[in-house]
Every structure is written in structure tokens, then in C-alpha cells.
Amino acid sequence: MNNRLEEIRKKRGIKQEELAAALEVSRQTVGSLENGRYNPSILLAFKIARFFDLRIEEIFIYEEDERV
């Protein structure tokens, strides 16, 4: 799943470590989310959205696989 997490975080001047502490996850988890190596649980996605005061869809881009 693609996302705009890194873009949003950097625009607001927040370090990965700061976001990780606010979300109660590791800095590595934030990095993995930003690089698309890890998809968040629905609870983590909501925490991220609340932290930035955005809707989940404004951060995470879901593209349905047309082969389904």
C-alpha cells in the first residue's frame, strides 16, 4: 500500500523518532511504513491519522488489484 507518511511528516518538521514516540512504535516501524515495506494495522492507521489530524485516506493510498 502506498502512502504519503514521509511527505506529511517532513512538511510538519517531525522526526521519525518523534512520530514513533507519539505512536508508541519503534523508529524502524515508522521507516518501514514510509518505505512501503509494512502496512499498518487499522488501529495504527487511525493513530497516525489522528496524530496528523487527517483522514486515513489522505495518508494511505489503497489501489484495488484489478485481477481480483
PDB file of N, CA and C in Angstrom:
ATOM      1  N   MET A   1       0.848  -1.171   0.000  1.00  0.00           N
ATOM      2  CA  MET A   1       0.000   0.000   0.000  1.00  0.00           C
ATOM      3  C   MET A   1       0.900   1.243   0.000  1.00  0.00           C
ATOM      4  N   ASN A   2       0.631   2.139  -0.898  1.00  0.00           N
ATOM      5  CA  ASN A   2       1.385   3.386  -0.953  1.00  0.00           C
ATOM      6  C   ASN A   2       0.869   4.346   0.110  1.00  0.00           C
ATOM      7  N   ASN A   3       1.733   5.281   0.499  1.00  0.00           N
ATOM      8  CA  ASN A   3       1.300   6.266   1.481  1.00  0.00           C
ATOM      9  C   ASN A   3       2.098   7.553   1.328  1.00  0.00           C
ATOM     10  N   ARG A   4       1.611   8.590   1.973  1.00  0.00           N
ATOM     11  CA  ARG A   4       2.238   9.915   1.955  1.00  0.00           C
ATOM     12  C   ARG A   4       2.840  10.256   3.316  1.00  0.00           C
ATOM     13  N   LEU A   5       3.085   9.242   4.127  1.00  0.00           N
ATOM     14  CA  LEU A   5       3.509   9.462   5.503  1.00  0.00           C
ATOM     15  C   LEU A   5       4.800  10.277   5.597  1.00  0.00           C
ATOM     16  N   GLU A   6       5.818   9.895   4.846  1.00  0.00           N
ATOM     17  CA  GLU A   6       7.090  10.619   4.908  1.00  0.00           C
ATOM     18  C   GLU A   6       6.913  12.079   4.472  1.00  0.00           C
ATOM     19  N   GLU A   7       6.188  12.276   3.395  1.00  0.00           N
ATOM     20  CA  GLU A   7       5.931  13.635   2.883  1.00  0.00           C
ATOM     21  C   GLU A   7       5.236  14.497   3.938  1.00  0.00           C
ATOM     22  N   ILE A   8       4.201  13.953   4.552  1.00  0.00           N
ATOM     23  CA  ILE A   8       3.435  14.692   5.554  1.00  0.00           C
ATOM     24  C   ILE A   8       4.299  14.973   6.782  1.00  0.00           C
ATOM     25  N   ARG A   9       5.024  13.964   7.226  1.00  0.00           N
ATOM     26  CA  ARG A   9       5.876  14.115   8.407  1.00  0.00           C
ATOM     27  C   ARG A   9       6.930  15.204   8.190  1.00  0.00           C
ATOM     28  N   LYS A  10       7.590  15.160   7.042  1.00  0.00           N
ATOM     29  CA  LYS A  10       8.650  16.143   6.761  1.00  0.00           C
ATOM     30  C   LYS A  10       8.090  17.550   6.610  1.00  0.00           C
ATOM     31  N   LYS A  11       6.918  17.685   5.971  1.00  0.00           N
ATOM     32  CA  LYS A  11       6.299  19.008   5.822  1.00  0.00           C
ATOM     33  C   LYS A  11       6.019  19.643   7.171  1.00  0.00           C
ATOM     34  N   ARG A  12       5.743  18.815   8.170  1.00  0.00           N
ATOM     35  CA  ARG A  12       5.413  19.331   9.503  1.00  0.00           C
ATOM     36  C   ARG A  12       6.634  19.410  10.413  1.00  0.00           C
ATOM     37  N   GLY A  13       7.801  19.051   9.870  1.00  0.00           N
ATOM     38  CA  GLY A  13       9.035  19.170  10.642  1.00  0.00           C
ATOM     39  C   GLY A  13       9.146  18.194  11.792  1.00  0.00           C
ATOM     40  N   ILE A  14       8.602  17.012  11.616  1.00  0.00           N
ATOM     41  CA  ILE A  14       8.616  15.992  12.663  1.00  0.00           C
ATOM     42  C   ILE A  14       9.635  14.913  12.290  1.00  0.00           C
ATOM     43  N   LYS A  15      10.468  14.536  13.243  1.00  0.00           N
ATOM     44  CA  LYS A  15      11.462  13.483  13.023  1.00  0.00           C
ATOM     45  C   LYS A  15      10.805  12.116  13.185  1.00  0.00           C
ATOM     46  N   GLN A  16      11.398  11.119  12.548  1.00  0.00           N
ATOM     47  CA  GLN A  16      10.875   9.753  12.678  1.00  0.00           C
ATOM     48  C   GLN A  16      10.794   9.346  14.141  1.00  0.00           C
ATOM     49  N   GLU A  17      11.810   9.705  14.915  1.00  0.00           N
ATOM     50  CA  GLU A  17      11.843   9.345  16.335  1.00  0.00           C
ATOM     51  C   GLU A  17      10.681   9.966  17.102  1.00  0.00           C
ATOM     52  N   GLU A  18      10.352  11.204  16.762  1.00  0.00           N
ATOM     53  CA  GLU A  18       9.242  11.895  17.431  1.00  0.00           C
ATOM     54  C   GLU A  18       7.912  11.243  17.095  1.00  0.00           C
ATOM     55  N   LEU A  19       7.725  10.910  15.819  1.00  0.00           N
ATOM     56  CA  LEU A  19       6.483  10.252  15.408  1.00  0.00           C
ATOM     57  C   LEU A  19       6.373   8.881  16.056  1.00  0.00           C
ATOM     58  N   ALA A  20       7.475   8.151  16.073  1.00  0.00           N
ATOM     59  CA  ALA A  20       7.481   6.817  16.684  1.00  0.00           C
ATOM     60  C   ALA A  20       7.081   6.888  18.158  1.00  0.00           C
ATOM     61  N   ALA A  21       7.632   7.859  18.878  1.00  0.00           N
ATOM     62  CA  ALA A  21       7.293   8.008  20.302  1.00  0.00           C
ATOM     63  C   ALA A  21       5.811   8.332  20.479  1.00  0.00           C
ATOM     64  N   ALA A  22       5.285   9.216  19.641  1.00  0.00           N
ATOM     65  CA  ALA A  22       3.871   9.595  19.742  1.00  0.00           C
ATOM     66  C   ALA A  22       2.948   8.414  19.442  1.00  0.00           C
ATOM     67  N   LEU A  23       3.388   7.539  18.524  1.00  0.00           N
ATOM     68  CA  LEU A  23       2.560   6.392  18.123  1.00  0.00           C
ATOM     69  C   LEU A  23       2.834   5.152  18.964  1.00  0.00           C
ATOM     70  N   GLU A  24       3.859   5.229  19.814  1.00  0.00           N
ATOM     71  CA  GLU A  24       4.279   4.104  20.652  1.00  0.00           C
ATOM     72  C   GLU A  24       4.721   2.912  19.807  1.00  0.00           C
ATOM     73  N   VAL A  25       5.522   3.207  18.775  1.00  0.00           N
ATOM     74  CA  VAL A  25       6.137   2.179  17.937  1.00  0.00           C
ATOM     75  C   VAL A  25       7.619   2.524  17.809  1.00  0.00           C
ATOM     76  N   SER A  26       8.397   1.652  17.184  1.00  0.00           N
ATOM     77  CA  SER A  26       9.820   1.926  17.002  1.00  0.00           C
ATOM     78  C   SER A  26      10.046   2.838  15.795  1.00  0.00           C
ATOM     79  N   ARG A  27      11.211   3.480  15.779  1.00  0.00           N
ATOM     80  CA  ARG A  27      11.576   4.304  14.633  1.00  0.00           C
ATOM     81  C   ARG A  27      11.671   3.437  13.382  1.00  0.00           C
ATOM     82  N   GLN A  28      12.092   2.187  13.548  1.00  0.00           N
ATOM     83  CA  GLN A  28      12.174   1.259  12.414  1.00  0.00           C
ATOM     84  C   GLN A  28      10.795   0.990  11.822  1.00  0.00           C
ATOM     85  N   THR A  29       9.781   0.932  12.661  1.00  0.00           N
ATOM     86  CA  THR A  29       8.415   0.731  12.171  1.00  0.00           C
ATOM     87  C   THR A  29       7.978   1.924  11.327  1.00  0.00           C
ATOM     88  N   VAL A  30       8.280   3.127  11.790  1.00  0.00           N
ATOM     89  CA  VAL A  30       7.936   4.319  11.020  1.00  0.00           C
ATOM     90  C   VAL A  30       8.662   4.286   9.673  1.00  0.00           C
ATOM     91  N   GLY A  31       9.942   3.945   9.682  1.00  0.00           N
ATOM     92  CA  GLY A  31      10.702   3.855   8.440  1.00  0.00           C
ATOM     93  C   GLY A  31      10.132   2.821   7.488  1.00  0.00           C
ATOM     94  N   SER A  32       9.743   1.672   8.020  1.00  0.00           N
ATOM     95  CA  SER A  32       9.154   0.614   7.192  1.00  0.00           C
ATOM     96  C   SER A  32       7.810   1.041   6.609  1.00  0.00           C
ATOM     97  N   LEU A  33       7.025   1.765   7.395  1.00  0.00           N
ATOM     98  CA  LEU A  33       5.755   2.292   6.890  1.00  0.00           C
ATOM     99  C   LEU A  33       6.009   3.259   5.742  1.00  0.00           C
ATOM    100  N   GLU A  34       6.956   4.166   5.941  1.00  0.00           N
ATOM    101  CA  GLU A  34       7.241   5.182   4.931  1.00  0.00           C
ATOM    102  C   GLU A  34       7.764   4.567   3.641  1.00  0.00           C
ATOM    103  N   ASN A  35       8.513   3.484   3.749  1.00  0.00           N
ATOM    104  CA  ASN A  35       9.082   2.832   2.564  1.00  0.00           C
ATOM    105  C   ASN A  35       8.159   1.791   1.940  1.00  0.00           C
ATOM    106  N   GLY A  36       6.972   1.616   2.521  1.00  0.00           N
ATOM    107  CA  GLY A  36       6.013   0.674   1.964  1.00  0.00           C
ATOM    108  C   GLY A  36       6.344  -0.788   2.223  1.00  0.00           C
ATOM    109  N   ARG A  37       7.268  -1.041   3.145  1.00  0.00           N
ATOM    110  CA  ARG A  37       7.621  -2.429   3.474  1.00  0.00           C
ATOM    111  C   ARG A  37       6.668  -3.026   4.499  1.00  0.00           C
ATOM    112  N   TYR A  38       5.859  -2.171   5.109  1.00  0.00           N
ATOM    113  CA  TYR A  38       4.961  -2.607   6.182  1.00  0.00           C
ATOM    114  C   TYR A  38       3.651  -1.853   6.061  1.00  0.00           C
ATOM    115  N   ASN A  39       2.550  -2.576   6.094  1.00  0.00           N
ATOM    116  CA  ASN A  39       1.222  -1.950   6.105  1.00  0.00           C
ATOM    117  C   ASN A  39       0.737  -1.903   7.551  1.00  0.00           C
ATOM    118  N   PRO A  40       0.219  -0.759   7.975  1.00  0.00           N
ATOM    119  CA  PRO A  40      -0.188  -0.638   9.374  1.00  0.00           C
ATOM    120  C   PRO A  40      -1.471  -1.407   9.659  1.00  0.00           C
ATOM    121  N   SER A  41      -1.611  -1.777  10.930  1.00  0.00           N
ATOM    122  CA  SER A  41      -2.897  -2.314  11.370  1.00  0.00           C
ATOM    123  C   SER A  41      -3.900  -1.169  11.283  1.00  0.00           C
ATOM    124  N   ILE A  42      -5.156  -1.487  11.316  1.00  0.00           N
ATOM    125  CA  ILE A  42      -6.183  -0.445  11.250  1.00  0.00           C
ATOM    126  C   ILE A  42      -6.061   0.490  12.458  1.00  0.00           C
ATOM    127  N   LEU A  43      -5.713  -0.061  13.616  1.00  0.00           N
ATOM    128  CA  LEU A  43      -5.557   0.780  14.811  1.00  0.00           C
ATOM    129  C   LEU A  43      -4.395   1.750  14.651  1.00  0.00           C
ATOM    130  N   LEU A  44      -3.275   1.276  14.104  1.00  0.00           N
ATOM    131  CA  LEU A  44      -2.126   2.152  13.893  1.00  0.00           C
ATOM    132  C   LEU A  44      -2.441   3.203  12.828  1.00  0.00           C
ATOM    133  N   ALA A  45      -3.159   2.822  11.790  1.00  0.00           N
ATOM    134  CA  ALA A  45      -3.551   3.780  10.754  1.00  0.00           C
ATOM    135  C   ALA A  45      -4.406   4.891  11.359  1.00  0.00           C
ATOM    136  N   PHE A  46      -5.330   4.543  12.253  1.00  0.00           N
ATOM    137  CA  PHE A  46      -6.155   5.556  12.916  1.00  0.00           C
ATOM    138  C   PHE A  46      -5.312   6.457  13.817  1.00  0.00           C
ATOM    139  N   LYS A  47      -4.347   5.870  14.536  1.00  0.00           N
ATOM    140  CA  LYS A  47      -3.466   6.672  15.393  1.00  0.00           C
ATOM    141  C   LYS A  47      -2.687   7.691  14.567  1.00  0.00           C
ATOM    142  N   ILE A  48      -2.174   7.240  13.432  1.00  0.00           N
ATOM    143  CA  ILE A  48      -1.411   8.121  12.555  1.00  0.00           C
ATOM    144  C   ILE A  48      -2.301   9.248  12.043  1.00  0.00           C
ATOM    145  N   ALA A  49      -3.493   8.898  11.587  1.00  0.00           N
ATOM    146  CA  ALA A  49      -4.426   9.895  11.071  1.00  0.00           C
ATOM    147  C   ALA A  49      -4.787  10.910  12.153  1.00  0.00           C
ATOM    148  N   ARG A  50      -5.042  10.439  13.362  1.00  0.00           N
ATOM    149  CA  ARG A  50      -5.379  11.359  14.459  1.00  0.00           C
ATOM    150  C   ARG A  50      -4.209  12.266  14.796  1.00  0.00           C
ATOM    151  N   PHE A  51      -2.998  11.710  14.799  1.00  0.00           N
ATOM    152  CA  PHE A  51      -1.812  12.493  15.114  1.00  0.00           C
ATOM    153  C   PHE A  51      -1.673  13.679  14.161  1.00  0.00           C
ATOM    154  N   PHE A  52      -1.907  13.431  12.882  1.00  0.00           N
ATOM    155  CA  PHE A  52      -1.762  14.479  11.874  1.00  0.00           C
ATOM    156  C   PHE A  52      -3.064  15.247  11.622  1.00  0.00           C
ATOM    157  N   ASP A  53      -4.143  14.862  12.292  1.00  0.00           N
ATOM    158  CA  ASP A  53      -5.458  15.480  12.100  1.00  0.00           C
ATOM    159  C   ASP A  53      -5.884  15.400  10.636  1.00  0.00           C
ATOM    160  N   LEU A  54      -5.733  14.198  10.078  1.00  0.00           N
ATOM    161  CA  LEU A  54      -6.119  13.923   8.696  1.00  0.00           C
ATOM    162  C   LEU A  54      -6.980  12.669   8.660  1.00  0.00           C
ATOM    163  N   ARG A  55      -7.618  12.448   7.522  1.00  0.00           N
ATOM    164  CA  ARG A  55      -8.343  11.194   7.320  1.00  0.00           C
ATOM    165  C   ARG A  55      -7.351  10.126   6.858  1.00  0.00           C
ATOM    166  N   ILE A  56      -7.613   8.887   7.168  1.00  0.00           N
ATOM    167  CA  ILE A  56      -6.737   7.784   6.756  1.00  0.00           C
ATOM    168  C   ILE A  56      -6.479   7.837   5.259  1.00  0.00           C
ATOM    169  N   GLU A  57      -7.525   8.130   4.473  1.00  0.00           N
ATOM    170  CA  GLU A  57      -7.400   8.151   3.007  1.00  0.00           C
ATOM    171  C   GLU A  57      -6.491   9.270   2.513  1.00  0.00           C
ATOM    172  N   GLU A  58      -6.243  10.263   3.345  1.00  0.00           N
ATOM    173  CA  GLU A  58      -5.336  11.338   2.963  1.00  0.00           C
ATOM    174  C   GLU A  58      -3.871  10.940   3.153  1.00  0.00           C
ATOM    175  N   ILE A  59      -3.645   9.877   3.886  1.00  0.00           N
ATOM    176  CA  ILE A  59      -2.291   9.402   4.165  1.00  0.00           C
ATOM    177  C   ILE A  59      -1.983   8.130   3.387  1.00  0.00           C
ATOM    178  N   PHE A  60      -2.914   7.193   3.432  1.00  0.00           N
ATOM    179  CA  PHE A  60      -2.702   5.880   2.808  1.00  0.00           C
ATOM    180  C   PHE A  60      -3.509   5.770   1.520  1.00  0.00           C
ATOM    181  N   ILE A  61      -2.844   5.290   0.480  1.00  0.00           N
ATOM    182  CA  ILE A  61      -3.465   5.180  -0.840  1.00  0.00           C
ATOM    183  C   ILE A  61      -3.706   3.704  -1.132  1.00  0.00           C
ATOM    184  N   TYR A  62      -4.976   3.344  -1.148  1.00  0.00           N
ATOM    185  CA  TYR A  62      -5.346   1.957  -1.434  1.00  0.00           C
ATOM    186  C   TYR A  62      -5.773   1.854  -2.882  1.00  0.00           C
ATOM    187  N   GLU A  63      -5.093   0.977  -3.611  1.00  0.00           N
ATOM    188  CA  GLU A  63      -5.462   0.741  -5.004  1.00  0.00           C
ATOM    189  C   GLU A  63      -5.832  -0.735  -5.129  1.00  0.00           C
ATOM    190  N   GLU A  64      -7.081  -0.949  -5.436  1.00  0.00           N
ATOM    191  CA  GLU A  64      -7.574  -2.318  -5.547  1.00  0.00           C
ATOM    192  C   GLU A  64      -6.932  -3.019  -6.730  1.00  0.00           C
ATOM    193  N   ASP A  65      -6.564  -4.254  -6.522  1.00  0.00           N
ATOM    194  CA  ASP A  65      -5.968  -5.053  -7.597  1.00  0.00           C
ATOM    195  C   ASP A  65      -7.056  -5.423  -8.580  1.00  0.00           C
ATOM    196  N   GLU A  66      -6.879  -5.055  -9.828  1.00  0.00           N
ATOM    197  CA  GLU A  66      -7.900  -5.297 -10.835  1.00  0.00           C
ATOM    198  C   GLU A  66      -8.079  -6.765 -11.164  1.00  0.00           C
ATOM    199  N   ARG A  67      -7.126  -7.599 -10.799  1.00  0.00           N
ATOM    200  CA  ARG A  67      -7.213  -9.044 -11.081  1.00  0.00           C
ATOM    201  C   ARG A  67      -8.150  -9.762 -10.143  1.00  0.00           C
ATOM    202  N   VAL A  68      -8.602  -9.102  -9.094  1.00  0.00           N
ATOM    203  CA  VAL A  68      -9.457  -9.749  -8.094  1.00  0.00           C
ATOM    204  C   VAL A  68     -10.836  -9.941  -8.644  1.00  0.00           C
TER     205      VAL A  68
END
